[in-house]
Amino acid sequence: MRDQPGSRYVALSDGSAESLGVTPATGQTALNTRNLITILSMMVLVGTEVFAVAIAAGWALAGMFDLGETVGHVLMAVFSLFAAWVMLQLWRRATTIEPLRDRKSATR
């Protein structure tokens, strides 16, 4: 545990729930806004790229094989569903690395 000046973490004198950031009635910790902003920013950046690739791939395959506009839209939808699944997996992994609610923040 660090308690130098300017440190993110401060040594606690007691182990009470209030000093750990836990609300006694609900048992939940405070939201870590730094991690939330980091994850949301990463999701916007990566999500834009993933969905752009999904839509471009559907459009390109339909045009390359002359499949028509309807099949092109179907391919874009299928690839977009795959992109949504990729984004869900990315969210799950990102929140395990950068937890939004950190119970052990006082003992780091």
C-alpha atoms as a PDB file:
ATOM      1  CA  MET A   1       0.000   0.000   0.000  1.00  0.00           C
ATOM      2  CA  ARG A   2       1.341   3.411  -0.937  1.00  0.00           C
ATOM      3  CA  ASP A   3       0.821   6.560   1.045  1.00  0.00           C
ATOM      4  CA  GLN A   4       3.330   8.956  -0.494  1.00  0.00           C
ATOM      5  CA  PRO A   5       2.171  12.477  -1.343  1.00  0.00           C
ATOM      6  CA  GLY A   6       0.407  12.539  -4.707  1.00  0.00           C
ATOM      7  CA  SER A   7      -0.262   8.796  -4.633  1.00  0.00           C
ATOM      8  CA  ARG A   8      -3.573   7.370  -5.784  1.00  0.00           C
ATOM      9  CA  TYR A   9      -3.842   5.191  -2.685  1.00  0.00           C
ATOM     10  CA  VAL A  10      -3.852   6.257   0.939  1.00  0.00           C
ATOM     11  CA  ALA A  11      -3.105   4.095   3.976  1.00  0.00           C
ATOM     12  CA  LEU A  12      -6.237   3.476   6.026  1.00  0.00           C
ATOM     13  CA  SER A  13      -6.257   3.583   9.798  1.00  0.00           C
ATOM     14  CA  ASP A  14      -9.178   1.194  10.266  1.00  0.00           C
ATOM     15  CA  GLY A  15     -10.729  -1.591   8.196  1.00  0.00           C
ATOM     16  CA  SER A  16     -14.293  -0.325   8.360  1.00  0.00           C
ATOM     17  CA  ALA A  17     -16.578  -0.599   5.376  1.00  0.00           C
ATOM     18  CA  GLU A  18     -16.707   3.171   4.950  1.00  0.00           C
ATOM     19  CA  SER A  19     -12.921   3.443   4.745  1.00  0.00           C
ATOM     20  CA  LEU A  20     -12.828   0.789   1.999  1.00  0.00           C
ATOM     21  CA  GLY A  21     -15.377   2.675  -0.104  1.00  0.00           C
ATOM     22  CA  VAL A  22     -18.073   0.061   0.520  1.00  0.00           C
ATOM     23  CA  THR A  23     -21.598   1.224   1.215  1.00  0.00           C
ATOM     24  CA  PRO A  24     -22.681  -0.790   4.278  1.00  0.00           C
ATOM     25  CA  ALA A  25     -26.336  -1.110   3.228  1.00  0.00           C
ATOM     26  CA  THR A  26     -25.705  -2.381  -0.315  1.00  0.00           C
ATOM     27  CA  GLY A  27     -22.229  -3.896  -0.061  1.00  0.00           C
ATOM     28  CA  GLN A  28     -21.196  -2.280  -3.345  1.00  0.00           C
ATOM     29  CA  THR A  29     -18.124  -0.185  -3.914  1.00  0.00           C
ATOM     30  CA  ALA A  30     -17.937   3.185  -5.590  1.00  0.00           C
ATOM     31  CA  LEU A  31     -17.709   3.358  -9.362  1.00  0.00           C
ATOM     32  CA  ASN A  32     -14.155   3.705 -10.671  1.00  0.00           C
ATOM     33  CA  THR A  33     -14.698   6.508 -13.184  1.00  0.00           C
ATOM     34  CA  ARG A  34     -11.113   6.431 -14.473  1.00  0.00           C
ATOM     35  CA  ASN A  35     -11.503   2.803 -15.577  1.00  0.00           C
ATOM     36  CA  LEU A  36     -14.996   3.491 -16.948  1.00  0.00           C
ATOM     37  CA  ILE A  37     -13.749   6.357 -19.128  1.00  0.00           C
ATOM     38  CA  THR A  38     -10.794   4.269 -20.312  1.00  0.00           C
ATOM     39  CA  ILE A  39     -12.997   1.324 -21.277  1.00  0.00           C
ATOM     40  CA  LEU A  40     -15.657   3.461 -22.962  1.00  0.00           C
ATOM     41  CA  SER A  41     -13.036   5.341 -24.964  1.00  0.00           C
ATOM     42  CA  MET A  42     -11.448   2.088 -26.088  1.00  0.00           C
ATOM     43  CA  MET A  43     -14.854   0.631 -26.979  1.00  0.00           C
ATOM     44  CA  VAL A  44     -15.719   3.660 -29.147  1.00  0.00           C
ATOM     45  CA  LEU A  45     -12.391   3.499 -30.964  1.00  0.00           C
ATOM     46  CA  VAL A  46     -12.372  -0.258 -31.540  1.00  0.00           C
ATOM     47  CA  GLY A  47     -16.129  -0.435 -32.152  1.00  0.00           C
ATOM     48  CA  THR A  48     -15.934   2.100 -34.959  1.00  0.00           C
ATOM     49  CA  GLU A  49     -13.221   0.088 -36.658  1.00  0.00           C
ATOM     50  CA  VAL A  50     -14.892  -3.302 -36.157  1.00  0.00           C
ATOM     51  CA  PHE A  51     -18.295  -2.198 -37.448  1.00  0.00           C
ATOM     52  CA  ALA A  52     -16.724  -0.336 -40.379  1.00  0.00           C
ATOM     53  CA  VAL A  53     -14.878  -3.505 -41.385  1.00  0.00           C
ATOM     54  CA  ALA A  54     -18.063  -5.579 -41.019  1.00  0.00           C
ATOM     55  CA  ILE A  55     -20.111  -3.282 -43.234  1.00  0.00           C
ATOM     56  CA  ALA A  56     -17.311  -2.844 -45.773  1.00  0.00           C
ATOM     57  CA  ALA A  57     -16.774  -6.611 -45.968  1.00  0.00           C
ATOM     58  CA  GLY A  58     -20.464  -7.241 -46.679  1.00  0.00           C
ATOM     59  CA  TRP A  59     -20.520  -4.526 -49.319  1.00  0.00           C
ATOM     60  CA  ALA A  60     -17.282  -5.728 -50.934  1.00  0.00           C
ATOM     61  CA  LEU A  61     -18.277  -9.399 -51.092  1.00  0.00           C
ATOM     62  CA  ALA A  62     -21.679  -8.576 -52.555  1.00  0.00           C
ATOM     63  CA  GLY A  63     -20.097  -6.329 -55.167  1.00  0.00           C
ATOM     64  CA  MET A  64     -17.238  -8.664 -55.994  1.00  0.00           C
ATOM     65  CA  PHE A  65     -19.488 -11.664 -56.623  1.00  0.00           C
ATOM     66  CA  ASP A  66     -22.365  -9.568 -58.069  1.00  0.00           C
ATOM     67  CA  LEU A  67     -24.809 -10.855 -55.448  1.00  0.00           C
ATOM     68  CA  GLY A  68     -27.154  -7.900 -55.530  1.00  0.00           C
ATOM     69  CA  GLU A  69     -28.152  -5.233 -53.096  1.00  0.00           C
ATOM     70  CA  THR A  70     -30.377  -7.403 -50.878  1.00  0.00           C
ATOM     71  CA  VAL A  71     -27.707 -10.061 -50.328  1.00  0.00           C
ATOM     72  CA  GLY A  72     -25.224  -7.280 -49.657  1.00  0.00           C
ATOM     73  CA  HIS A  73     -27.435  -5.928 -46.891  1.00  0.00           C
ATOM     74  CA  VAL A  74     -27.868  -9.418 -45.441  1.00  0.00           C
ATOM     75  CA  LEU A  75     -24.091  -9.924 -45.443  1.00  0.00           C
ATOM     76  CA  MET A  76     -23.614  -6.568 -43.754  1.00  0.00           C
ATOM     77  CA  ALA A  77     -26.136  -7.560 -41.064  1.00  0.00           C
ATOM     78  CA  VAL A  78     -24.484 -10.952 -40.485  1.00  0.00           C
ATOM     79  CA  PHE A  79     -21.030  -9.421 -40.248  1.00  0.00           C
ATOM     80  CA  SER A  80     -22.396  -6.708 -37.942  1.00  0.00           C
ATOM     81  CA  LEU A  81     -23.796  -9.386 -35.616  1.00  0.00           C
ATOM     82  CA  PHE A  82     -20.349 -10.957 -35.533  1.00  0.00           C
ATOM     83  CA  ALA A  83     -18.862  -7.507 -34.812  1.00  0.00           C
ATOM     84  CA  ALA A  84     -21.326  -7.054 -31.924  1.00  0.00           C
ATOM     85  CA  TRP A  85     -20.215 -10.416 -30.494  1.00  0.00           C
ATOM     86  CA  VAL A  86     -16.570  -9.324 -30.790  1.00  0.00           C
ATOM     87  CA  MET A  87     -17.394  -6.097 -28.952  1.00  0.00           C
ATOM     88  CA  LEU A  88     -19.162  -8.031 -26.178  1.00  0.00           C
ATOM     89  CA  GLN A  89     -16.095 -10.227 -25.724  1.00  0.00           C
ATOM     90  CA  LEU A  90     -13.882  -7.137 -25.693  1.00  0.00           C
ATOM     91  CA  TRP A  91     -16.076  -5.526 -22.997  1.00  0.00           C
ATOM     92  CA  ARG A  92     -15.899  -8.654 -20.833  1.00  0.00           C
ATOM     93  CA  ARG A  93     -12.125  -8.889 -21.101  1.00  0.00           C
ATOM     94  CA  ALA A  94     -11.605  -5.160 -20.577  1.00  0.00           C
ATOM     95  CA  THR A  95     -13.712  -5.127 -17.411  1.00  0.00           C
ATOM     96  CA  THR A  96     -11.717  -8.011 -15.965  1.00  0.00           C
ATOM     97  CA  ILE A  97      -8.475  -6.104 -16.535  1.00  0.00           C
ATOM     98  CA  GLU A  98      -9.845  -2.668 -15.553  1.00  0.00           C
ATOM     99  CA  PRO A  99     -12.663  -3.419 -13.047  1.00  0.00           C
ATOM    100  CA  LEU A 100     -15.434  -0.849 -12.817  1.00  0.00           C
ATOM    101  CA  ARG A 101     -16.045  -1.605  -9.143  1.00  0.00           C
ATOM    102  CA  ASP A 102     -12.865  -2.467  -7.285  1.00  0.00           C
ATOM    103  CA  ARG A 103     -13.232  -3.918  -3.788  1.00  0.00           C
ATOM    104  CA  LYS A 104      -9.454  -4.171  -3.282  1.00  0.00           C
ATOM    105  CA  SER A 105      -8.515  -0.630  -4.277  1.00  0.00           C
ATOM    106  CA  ALA A 106      -7.507   0.220  -0.713  1.00  0.00           C
ATOM    107  CA  THR A 107      -5.088  -2.714  -0.438  1.00  0.00           C
ATOM    108  CA  ARG A 108      -3.248  -2.284  -3.723  1.00  0.00           C
END
